[in-house]
């Protein structure tokens, strides 16, 4: 989730560090709706048009070295290292979690299917799509302050979402989302454990993610794969996901096992996902394959095995056609990143479960954000009056970074961290424990493991007792 801390052990002052030059961005593309930040254009169909670009382009990180910071902190916990703001992206980790909802149409598809196998296929695709937005996102989100919140209501997509930072050490983020048609509930708590391996930083996932399909009286649970950022010392940063993800349907006993493969020595398996769905008797019902950066397909086990045997005998593998943009993305990898020679090998008769959304044409100058991510920190006109005072959109360091005011953002970040430290010391002196506002500790009803559960009431908008964290 990042390295910022109110317990920083380093003596690095980012406010005094020279800020690098801005990247060029076509001013005609800086806001295609023609509206300034805070104003929202209404389309002819009455749906709000969200912004398609950030107010200012990202800053170049080429003048900075992560190693120059990390080498001072060998032996310390990564959660207690303060990183310069230039390595951030202008989003809080709470907003990054909200990106799970980018492919919400897959939840809607799961709700609409009568066949439990098709529901599991849609849920599996949703679980993979939830990590797809991280592709090429090597900037770290801001660590949420204790008590920080984020809400998002998207009537056009049919959901509302609320999250809260419920613990700072260890950092734990809890979230809850529900369909506006009362058709699903999606919730969980996330607290990754960070490890520094010298050349890479690994975020091991902790916490359970739960999806409830209310119409079908079904609940699915899983944990995200491990995320690793490579070349933190020298070279181009690149990211991979690996590990086994098990999605369990607690109503039927069906299980989906997805293997996010590590790239291997020559990068042959980079980004690949392979797995299967089995019933409660462990009979394989279908095979799932693809890439979490591209697409996901499914086919029946017999067809899959026949194809694999043919491939081993020297049969010609068939590839699904891809766009020029996909090919360019594959070919643009740095020399120190494993080279990708092909895209997903398409097995005839397979069904497409999911394909990644195209990113905005100027995405590389906007922290590699998707169109959905670009809209997350948008502060629409009149919104400030109804938001909780703890909402991420009101954080001055993130807001200033988004607007390109890096020096101000750095100073605001230091001020907020100092304010958080002072508040913690004051509570310790008075022997007062921190009280969460919208979530409480409990037990996941399906896994029996500790979880943070939504207490309700946020959308009643009684924010009188919210803490002053900014």
Protein backbone atom coordinates (compact mmCIF):
# COMPACT_ATOMS: atom_id res chain seq x y z
CA UNK A 1 0.00 0.00 0.00
CA UNK A 2 2.97 2.32 0.27
CA UNK A 3 5.71 3.52 2.57
CA UNK A 4 4.44 6.70 4.22
CA UNK A 5 4.17 6.66 7.98
CA UNK A 6 3.46 8.85 10.94
CA UNK A 7 6.38 6.98 12.51
CA UNK A 8 8.93 7.94 9.91
CA UNK A 9 12.47 6.94 10.83
CA UNK A 10 14.34 8.75 8.05
CA UNK A 11 15.73 12.27 7.99
CA UNK A 12 14.81 12.86 4.35
CA UNK A 13 12.97 16.13 3.81
CA UNK A 14 11.06 15.91 0.55
CA UNK A 15 9.96 19.54 0.78
CA UNK A 16 13.60 20.59 0.31
CA UNK A 17 14.19 18.14 -2.54
CA UNK A 18 14.25 19.58 -6.04
CA UNK A 19 11.08 18.79 -7.98
CA UNK A 20 11.73 17.54 -11.52
CA UNK A 21 10.35 19.10 -14.66
CA UNK A 22 6.81 18.48 -15.84
CA UNK A 23 6.12 16.27 -18.80
CA UNK A 24 4.57 17.95 -21.82
CA UNK A 25 0.85 17.49 -22.22
CA UNK A 26 -1.28 18.78 -25.05
CA UNK A 27 -3.29 21.63 -23.46
CA UNK A 28 -6.18 20.81 -25.76
CA UNK A 29 -6.39 17.37 -24.11
CA UNK A 30 -6.04 18.53 -20.53
CA UNK A 31 -9.80 18.49 -20.06
CA UNK A 32 -11.80 17.34 -23.01
CA UNK A 33 -15.15 18.19 -21.48
CA UNK A 34 -14.18 21.86 -21.50
CA UNK A 35 -15.01 22.10 -17.80
CA UNK A 36 -12.72 23.09 -14.97
CA UNK A 37 -12.21 20.82 -11.98
CA UNK A 38 -15.35 21.09 -9.88
CA UNK A 39 -17.77 21.41 -12.78
CA UNK A 40 -19.52 18.47 -14.41
CA UNK A 41 -20.96 18.34 -17.89
CA UNK A 42 -24.37 16.75 -18.34
CA UNK A 43 -24.89 14.64 -21.44
CA UNK A 44 -28.07 14.71 -23.49
CA UNK A 45 -29.27 11.49 -21.83
CA UNK A 46 -29.06 13.17 -18.42
CA UNK A 47 -26.04 11.17 -17.22
CA UNK A 48 -23.12 13.12 -15.80
CA UNK A 49 -20.02 13.14 -17.98
CA UNK A 50 -16.95 12.57 -15.85
CA UNK A 51 -13.65 14.21 -16.64
CA UNK A 52 -11.34 12.47 -19.08
CA UNK A 53 -8.04 14.03 -18.00
CA UNK A 54 -6.24 15.27 -14.91
CA UNK A 55 -5.77 19.02 -14.35
CA UNK A 56 -1.98 18.68 -14.77
CA UNK A 57 0.34 16.02 -16.22
CA UNK A 58 2.53 13.83 -14.03
CA UNK A 59 6.09 14.80 -13.12
CA UNK A 60 9.08 12.89 -14.43
CA UNK A 61 10.59 10.52 -11.89
CA UNK A 62 13.85 10.18 -13.84
CA UNK A 63 15.75 12.53 -11.50
CA UNK A 64 15.01 10.38 -8.46
CA UNK A 65 16.27 7.03 -7.24
CA UNK A 66 14.21 4.85 -4.94
CA UNK A 67 17.47 3.27 -3.78
CA UNK A 68 18.76 6.61 -2.50
CA UNK A 69 15.90 6.49 0.00
CA UNK A 70 15.75 2.76 0.74
CA UNK A 71 19.49 2.36 1.43
CA UNK A 72 19.06 4.62 4.49
CA UNK A 73 16.33 2.38 5.82
CA UNK A 74 17.82 -1.14 5.61
CA UNK A 75 16.49 -3.21 8.48
CA UNK A 76 13.44 -1.02 9.07
CA UNK A 77 9.84 -1.91 8.38
CA UNK A 78 8.79 -0.62 4.96
CA UNK A 79 5.60 0.79 6.44
CA UNK A 80 7.78 3.18 8.47
CA UNK A 81 9.68 4.70 5.56
CA UNK A 82 8.67 8.10 4.21
CA UNK A 83 9.07 8.30 0.44
CA UNK A 84 9.29 11.55 -1.55
CA UNK A 85 6.00 12.56 -3.07
CA UNK A 86 7.34 12.26 -6.62
CA UNK A 87 6.95 8.47 -6.32
CA UNK A 88 3.24 8.84 -5.52
CA UNK A 89 0.24 9.02 -7.78
CA UNK A 90 -2.51 11.56 -6.88
CA UNK A 91 -4.88 9.01 -5.35
CA UNK A 92 -5.31 7.64 -1.86
CA UNK A 93 -5.12 3.87 -1.39
CA UNK A 94 -8.84 4.05 -0.52
CA UNK A 95 -9.46 5.37 -4.03
CA UNK A 96 -7.24 2.65 -5.48
CA UNK A 97 -9.47 0.05 -3.78
CA UNK A 98 -12.49 1.66 -5.43
CA UNK A 99 -11.00 0.69 -8.80
CA UNK A 100 -12.30 -2.82 -8.09
CA UNK A 101 -15.62 -1.41 -9.30
CA UNK A 102 -14.36 -0.43 -12.76
CA UNK A 103 -15.69 -3.67 -14.27
CA UNK A 104 -18.90 -3.79 -12.27
CA UNK A 105 -20.74 -5.01 -15.36
CA UNK A 106 -19.28 -8.44 -14.49
CA UNK A 107 -21.14 -8.40 -11.15
CA UNK A 108 -24.30 -7.40 -12.99
CA UNK A 109 -23.71 -10.28 -15.41
CA UNK A 110 -23.28 -12.69 -12.49
CA UNK A 111 -26.54 -11.45 -10.96
CA UNK A 112 -28.40 -12.03 -14.24
CA UNK A 113 -27.25 -15.62 -14.88
CA UNK A 114 -29.51 -18.50 -13.81
CA UNK A 115 -26.72 -21.08 -14.17
CA UNK A 116 -24.36 -21.22 -11.12
CA UNK A 117 -21.41 -22.13 -13.38
CA UNK A 118 -21.91 -18.97 -15.46
CA UNK A 119 -22.20 -16.94 -12.25
CA UNK A 120 -18.86 -18.32 -11.04
CA UNK A 121 -17.27 -17.54 -14.42
CA UNK A 122 -18.41 -13.92 -14.16
CA UNK A 123 -17.20 -13.66 -10.55
CA UNK A 124 -13.82 -15.12 -11.54
CA UNK A 125 -13.53 -12.56 -14.33
CA UNK A 126 -14.40 -9.80 -11.85
CA UNK A 127 -11.69 -11.00 -9.43
CA UNK A 128 -9.09 -10.85 -12.24
CA UNK A 129 -10.33 -7.50 -13.55
CA UNK A 130 -9.94 -6.03 -10.04
CA UNK A 131 -6.13 -6.14 -10.37
CA UNK A 132 -6.01 -5.18 -14.07
CA UNK A 133 -5.94 -1.44 -13.38
CA UNK A 134 -2.53 -1.91 -11.70
CA UNK A 135 -0.88 -2.73 -15.03
CA UNK A 136 1.98 -0.24 -15.53
CA UNK A 137 0.87 1.68 -12.40
CA UNK A 138 4.25 1.90 -10.69
CA UNK A 139 3.39 5.05 -8.73
CA UNK A 140 2.32 4.37 -5.15
CA UNK A 141 -0.98 5.67 -3.83
CA UNK A 142 -0.97 7.90 -0.75
CA UNK A 143 -1.27 5.99 2.50
CA UNK A 144 -4.64 6.92 4.02
CA UNK A 145 -4.61 8.83 7.28
CA UNK A 146 -6.31 7.14 10.20
CA UNK A 147 -10.03 7.92 9.90
CA UNK A 148 -9.79 8.91 6.24
CA UNK A 149 -12.79 7.92 4.11
CA UNK A 150 -13.80 7.77 0.47
CA UNK A 151 -17.25 7.52 -1.01
CA UNK A 152 -18.35 7.06 -4.59
CA UNK A 153 -21.87 6.88 -5.97
CA UNK A 154 -22.21 6.07 -9.66
CA UNK A 155 -25.85 6.00 -10.68
CA UNK A 156 -24.84 5.28 -14.27
CA UNK A 157 -23.03 2.12 -13.12
CA UNK A 158 -25.56 1.22 -10.42
CA UNK A 159 -23.52 1.18 -7.21
CA UNK A 160 -22.35 3.18 -4.22
CA UNK A 161 -19.14 2.64 -2.29
CA UNK A 162 -17.70 3.68 1.08
CA UNK A 163 -14.30 2.93 2.60
CA UNK A 164 -12.46 3.93 5.77
CA UNK A 165 -8.90 3.63 7.07
CA UNK A 166 -9.64 1.74 10.27
CA UNK A 167 -6.04 1.17 11.45
CA UNK A 168 -2.71 2.85 10.80
CA UNK A 169 -0.27 0.32 12.29
CA UNK A 170 -0.82 -2.12 10.76
CA UNK A 171 -2.47 -0.21 7.89
CA UNK A 172 -5.95 -1.65 7.32
CA UNK A 173 -8.49 -0.34 4.82
CA UNK A 174 -12.11 -1.50 5.03
CA UNK A 175 -14.68 -1.06 2.26
CA UNK A 176 -18.34 -1.73 1.54
CA UNK A 177 -20.27 -1.41 -1.71
CA UNK A 178 -23.85 -2.18 -2.66
CA UNK A 179 -25.91 -2.22 -5.81
CA UNK A 180 -28.41 0.61 -6.10
CA UNK A 181 -30.93 -2.05 -7.16
CA UNK A 182 -30.19 -4.04 -3.96
CA UNK A 183 -28.85 -6.92 -6.06
CA UNK A 184 -25.36 -7.33 -4.56
CA UNK A 185 -23.10 -6.44 -1.63
CA UNK A 186 -19.31 -6.29 -2.04
CA UNK A 187 -17.11 -5.79 1.01
CA UNK A 188 -13.79 -6.57 2.61
CA UNK A 189 -10.71 -5.37 4.47
CA UNK A 190 -7.20 -5.18 3.04
CA UNK A 191 -3.87 -5.02 4.85
CA UNK A 192 -0.97 -6.08 2.59
CA UNK A 193 2.34 -7.02 4.13
CA UNK A 194 5.29 -5.33 2.35
CA UNK A 195 8.66 -7.00 1.84
CA UNK A 196 11.81 -5.45 0.35
CA UNK A 197 13.94 -7.99 -1.51
CA UNK A 198 16.73 -5.66 -2.65
CA UNK A 199 15.72 -5.27 -6.29
CA UNK A 200 11.97 -5.59 -5.78
CA UNK A 201 9.18 -4.74 -3.37
CA UNK A 202 6.52 -7.38 -2.75
CA UNK A 203 3.03 -6.72 -1.36
CA UNK A 204 1.61 -9.93 0.09
CA UNK A 205 -2.19 -9.69 0.30
CA UNK A 206 -3.96 -10.03 3.62
CA UNK A 207 -7.67 -9.77 4.23
CA UNK A 208 -10.80 -11.34 2.74
CA UNK A 209 -12.87 -10.02 -0.15
CA UNK A 210 -16.56 -11.01 -0.14
CA UNK A 211 -19.18 -10.71 -2.87
CA UNK A 212 -22.82 -11.49 -2.06
CA UNK A 213 -25.36 -12.01 -4.86
CA UNK A 214 -28.56 -11.32 -2.98
CA UNK A 215 -31.02 -12.59 -5.60
CA UNK A 216 -29.30 -15.99 -5.66
CA UNK A 217 -28.53 -16.07 -1.93
CA UNK A 218 -24.87 -16.75 -2.76
CA UNK A 219 -21.62 -15.53 -1.22
CA UNK A 220 -18.16 -15.72 -2.78
CA UNK A 221 -14.88 -15.05 -0.97
CA UNK A 222 -11.27 -14.75 -2.14
CA UNK A 223 -7.91 -13.04 -1.49
CA UNK A 224 -5.98 -11.08 -4.11
CA UNK A 225 -2.69 -12.34 -5.62
CA UNK A 226 0.71 -11.05 -4.53
CA UNK A 227 1.86 -7.88 -6.28
CA UNK A 228 5.56 -7.24 -6.93
CA UNK A 229 7.30 -4.12 -8.29
CA UNK A 230 10.68 -4.89 -9.90
CA UNK A 231 13.77 -2.76 -10.60
CA UNK A 232 13.31 -0.40 -7.66
CA UNK A 233 17.08 0.26 -7.59
CA UNK A 234 17.92 0.68 -11.27
CA UNK A 235 16.14 0.21 -14.57
CA UNK A 236 12.53 0.59 -15.62
CA UNK A 237 9.99 -0.27 -12.96
CA UNK A 238 7.66 -3.10 -13.93
CA UNK A 239 4.96 -4.99 -12.09
CA UNK A 240 3.73 -8.55 -11.91
CA UNK A 241 1.03 -10.43 -10.00
CA UNK A 242 1.53 -14.01 -8.87
CA UNK A 243 0.07 -16.60 -6.53
CA UNK A 244 -2.99 -18.80 -6.31
CA UNK A 245 -6.39 -17.20 -5.85
CA UNK A 246 -9.21 -19.45 -4.63
CA UNK A 247 -12.76 -18.18 -5.09
CA UNK A 248 -15.26 -20.17 -3.04
CA UNK A 249 -19.01 -20.21 -3.54
CA UNK A 250 -20.16 -20.86 0.03
CA UNK A 251 -23.70 -21.73 -1.10
CA UNK A 252 -22.98 -24.42 -3.72
CA UNK A 253 -19.50 -25.56 -2.70
CA UNK A 254 -18.13 -24.71 -6.16
CA UNK A 255 -14.59 -23.39 -6.24
CA UNK A 256 -12.52 -21.50 -8.80
CA UNK A 257 -8.74 -21.89 -8.53
CA UNK A 258 -6.76 -19.26 -10.47
CA UNK A 259 -2.99 -19.43 -10.79
CA UNK A 260 -1.41 -16.03 -11.47
CA UNK A 261 1.89 -17.26 -12.87
CA UNK A 262 5.26 -15.65 -12.09
CA UNK A 263 7.05 -14.49 -15.23
CA UNK A 264 9.81 -17.13 -15.06
CA UNK A 265 13.37 -16.88 -16.33
CA UNK A 266 12.57 -15.78 -19.89
CA UNK A 267 9.27 -14.05 -19.18
CA UNK A 268 7.24 -16.70 -21.00
CA UNK A 269 4.56 -16.79 -18.31
CA UNK A 270 4.45 -13.02 -17.66
CA UNK A 271 0.91 -11.83 -16.79
CA UNK A 272 -0.59 -15.27 -17.46
CA UNK A 273 -3.57 -16.57 -15.51
CA UNK A 274 -4.66 -20.18 -15.70
CA UNK A 275 -7.14 -22.13 -13.63
CA UNK A 276 -10.37 -24.06 -13.44
CA UNK A 277 -13.78 -24.21 -11.82
CA UNK A 278 -14.73 -27.35 -9.93
CA UNK A 279 -17.92 -28.43 -8.18
CA UNK A 280 -18.20 -29.59 -4.57
CA UNK A 281 -17.23 -33.12 -5.69
CA UNK A 282 -14.00 -31.71 -7.22
CA UNK A 283 -15.13 -32.39 -10.77
CA UNK A 284 -13.64 -29.86 -13.18
CA UNK A 285 -16.42 -27.97 -14.93
CA UNK A 286 -14.37 -25.60 -17.07
CA UNK A 287 -10.87 -24.25 -17.62
CA UNK A 288 -10.04 -20.53 -17.49
CA UNK A 289 -7.01 -18.98 -19.17
CA UNK A 290 -5.73 -15.58 -20.29
CA UNK A 291 -3.73 -12.61 -19.01
CA UNK A 292 -4.71 -10.23 -16.24
CA UNK A 293 -3.40 -7.40 -18.43
CA UNK A 294 -5.46 -8.35 -21.47
CA UNK A 295 -8.37 -10.81 -21.40
CA UNK A 296 -9.82 -13.97 -19.91
CA UNK A 297 -11.33 -16.96 -21.72
CA UNK A 298 -12.97 -20.22 -20.65
CA UNK A 299 -13.45 -23.57 -22.34
CA UNK A 300 -14.42 -27.11 -21.33
CA UNK A 301 -11.65 -29.29 -19.81
CA UNK A 302 -11.67 -31.87 -22.63
CA UNK A 303 -11.13 -29.24 -25.33
CA UNK A 304 -8.37 -27.66 -23.27
CA UNK A 305 -6.49 -30.92 -22.71
CA UNK A 306 -6.83 -31.90 -26.39
CA UNK A 307 -5.43 -28.54 -27.43
CA UNK A 308 -2.51 -28.76 -25.02
CA UNK A 309 -1.60 -32.27 -26.25
CA UNK A 310 -1.73 -31.04 -29.84
CA UNK A 311 0.49 -28.12 -28.91
CA UNK A 312 3.08 -30.45 -27.38
CA UNK A 313 3.09 -32.52 -30.56
CA UNK A 314 4.01 -29.42 -32.54
CA UNK A 315 0.56 -28.22 -33.59
CA UNK A 316 0.32 -24.61 -34.70
CA UNK A 317 -1.04 -22.50 -31.83
CA UNK A 318 -3.73 -20.05 -32.81
CA UNK A 319 -3.65 -16.52 -31.45
CA UNK A 320 -6.54 -14.19 -30.99
CA UNK A 321 -6.08 -10.99 -32.97
CA UNK A 322 -5.25 -7.91 -30.91
CA UNK A 323 -5.33 -4.20 -31.56
CA UNK A 324 -2.27 -2.19 -32.60
CA UNK A 325 -2.33 -0.51 -29.20
CA UNK A 326 -2.06 -3.89 -27.45
CA UNK A 327 0.87 -4.88 -29.67
CA UNK A 328 2.59 -1.53 -29.01
CA UNK A 329 2.18 -1.99 -25.25
CA UNK A 330 3.74 -5.45 -25.47
CA UNK A 331 6.67 -4.24 -27.57
CA UNK A 332 7.41 -1.14 -25.50
CA UNK A 333 8.73 -3.13 -22.52
CA UNK A 334 12.21 -2.15 -21.33
CA UNK A 335 15.28 -4.27 -22.04
CA UNK A 336 15.57 -5.17 -18.35
CA UNK A 337 12.03 -6.53 -18.28
CA UNK A 338 11.29 -10.04 -19.61
CA UNK A 339 10.33 -9.75 -23.26
CA UNK A 340 6.80 -10.83 -24.17
CA UNK A 341 6.71 -12.66 -27.48
CA UNK A 342 3.01 -13.39 -27.81
CA UNK A 343 -0.44 -12.57 -26.54
CA UNK A 344 -3.02 -15.07 -25.33
CA UNK A 345 -3.16 -18.25 -27.40
CA UNK A 346 -6.82 -18.60 -28.35
CA UNK A 347 -8.31 -22.10 -28.10
CA UNK A 348 -11.11 -22.57 -30.67
CA UNK A 349 -14.53 -22.74 -29.06
CA UNK A 350 -13.55 -20.66 -26.03
CA UNK A 351 -15.91 -18.08 -24.53
CA UNK A 352 -14.66 -14.58 -23.75
CA UNK A 353 -15.27 -13.71 -20.09
CA UNK A 354 -13.57 -10.31 -19.91
CA UNK A 355 -11.33 -7.92 -21.84
CA UNK A 356 -9.42 -4.99 -20.37
CA UNK A 357 -10.73 -1.49 -21.09
CA UNK A 358 -8.71 0.74 -23.42
CA UNK A 359 -6.95 3.53 -21.57
CA UNK A 360 -7.12 7.20 -22.53
CA UNK A 361 -4.65 8.16 -25.29
CA UNK A 362 -2.75 10.41 -22.86
CA UNK A 363 -2.77 7.81 -20.05
CA UNK A 364 1.04 7.59 -19.92
CA UNK A 365 1.15 11.27 -18.94
CA UNK A 366 -1.51 10.70 -16.27
CA UNK A 367 0.22 8.05 -14.13
CA UNK A 368 -1.12 5.33 -16.49
CA UNK A 369 -4.62 5.86 -15.09
CA UNK A 370 -7.64 4.25 -16.66
CA UNK A 371 -10.62 6.44 -17.57
CA UNK A 372 -12.30 5.25 -14.36
CA UNK A 373 -9.27 6.16 -12.22
CA UNK A 374 -9.05 9.64 -13.78
CA UNK A 375 -12.52 10.43 -12.42
CA UNK A 376 -11.97 9.23 -8.84
CA UNK A 377 -10.54 12.43 -7.36
CA UNK A 378 -12.84 14.74 -9.30
CA UNK A 379 -14.44 17.30 -6.97
CA UNK A 380 -17.71 18.22 -8.62
CA UNK A 381 -19.55 21.44 -7.99
CA UNK A 382 -21.58 21.26 -4.77
CA UNK A 383 -19.95 18.00 -3.68
CA UNK A 384 -17.86 19.59 -0.92
CA UNK A 385 -21.03 20.53 0.95
CA UNK A 386 -22.24 16.92 1.23
CA UNK A 387 -18.98 14.95 1.55
CA UNK A 388 -17.70 13.76 4.91
CA UNK A 389 -14.87 16.10 6.05
CA UNK A 390 -12.60 13.02 6.04
CA UNK A 391 -13.09 12.26 2.32
CA UNK A 392 -9.94 11.78 0.21
CA UNK A 393 -11.04 14.44 -2.28
CA UNK A 394 -10.49 17.04 0.45
CA UNK A 395 -6.88 16.01 1.21
CA UNK A 396 -4.73 19.03 0.37
CA UNK A 397 -1.58 17.06 -0.50
CA UNK A 398 -3.36 14.86 -3.07
CA UNK A 399 -5.29 17.82 -4.46
CA UNK A 400 -2.14 19.90 -4.90
CA UNK A 401 -0.26 17.03 -6.52
CA UNK A 402 -3.13 16.48 -8.95
CA UNK A 403 -3.00 20.18 -9.84
CA UNK A 404 0.76 20.03 -10.42
CA UNK A 405 1.76 21.99 -7.27
CA UNK A 406 4.39 19.50 -6.14
CA UNK A 407 6.21 21.72 -3.63
CA UNK A 408 2.95 22.62 -1.89
CA UNK A 409 1.85 18.98 -2.00
CA UNK A 410 5.10 17.87 -0.31
CA UNK A 411 4.73 20.42 2.48
CA UNK A 412 1.07 19.53 2.99
CA UNK A 413 1.94 15.83 3.17
CA UNK A 414 4.52 16.52 5.88
CA UNK A 415 2.04 18.73 7.76
CA UNK A 416 -0.66 16.03 7.70
CA UNK A 417 1.76 13.36 8.89
CA UNK A 418 2.91 15.60 11.74
CA UNK A 419 -0.69 16.35 12.68
CA UNK A 420 -1.42 12.61 12.74
CA UNK A 421 1.61 11.97 14.98
CA UNK A 422 0.55 14.73 17.38
CA UNK A 423 -3.01 13.36 17.57
CA UNK A 424 -1.69 9.88 18.33
CA UNK A 425 0.53 11.19 21.13
CA UNK A 426 -2.39 13.13 22.58
CA UNK A 427 -4.56 10.01 22.64
CA UNK A 428 -1.75 8.03 24.25
CA UNK A 429 -1.33 10.70 26.94
CA UNK A 430 -5.06 10.68 27.74
CA UNK A 431 -5.22 6.87 27.36
CA UNK A 432 -7.95 7.20 24.76
CA UNK A 433 -8.35 4.50 22.11
CA UNK A 434 -9.13 5.40 18.52
CA UNK A 435 -12.77 4.78 17.58
CA UNK A 436 -13.62 3.88 13.99
CA UNK A 437 -16.69 5.62 12.58
CA UNK A 438 -18.24 3.47 9.85
CA UNK A 439 -16.76 -0.03 10.35
CA UNK A 440 -16.31 -2.34 13.32
CA UNK A 441 -14.21 -5.40 14.02
CA UNK A 442 -16.03 -8.68 13.64
CA UNK A 443 -15.96 -12.08 11.98
CA UNK A 444 -16.56 -12.81 8.32
CA UNK A 445 -19.80 -14.83 8.38
CA UNK A 446 -18.62 -17.13 5.57
CA UNK A 447 -14.95 -17.80 6.36
CA UNK A 448 -15.01 -17.37 10.14
CA UNK A 449 -11.88 -15.22 9.94
CA UNK A 450 -11.45 -11.74 11.51
CA UNK A 451 -12.86 -9.00 9.31
CA UNK A 452 -13.97 -5.38 9.40
CA UNK A 453 -17.71 -5.07 8.82
CA UNK A 454 -19.74 -2.05 7.73
CA UNK A 455 -21.72 -0.54 10.61
CA UNK A 456 -24.12 1.31 8.34
CA UNK A 457 -25.40 4.84 8.44
CA UNK A 458 -22.83 6.61 6.29
CA UNK A 459 -25.30 7.72 3.64
CA UNK A 460 -27.54 9.29 6.31
CA UNK A 461 -24.81 11.98 6.16
CA UNK A 462 -24.54 12.73 9.85
CA UNK A 463 -20.89 13.78 9.92
CA UNK A 464 -20.98 15.84 13.12
CA UNK A 465 -18.62 13.55 15.02
CA UNK A 466 -16.07 12.94 12.24
CA UNK A 467 -12.44 13.60 13.27
CA UNK A 468 -10.48 16.60 12.01
CA UNK A 469 -7.65 14.90 10.12
CA UNK A 470 -6.82 17.51 7.46
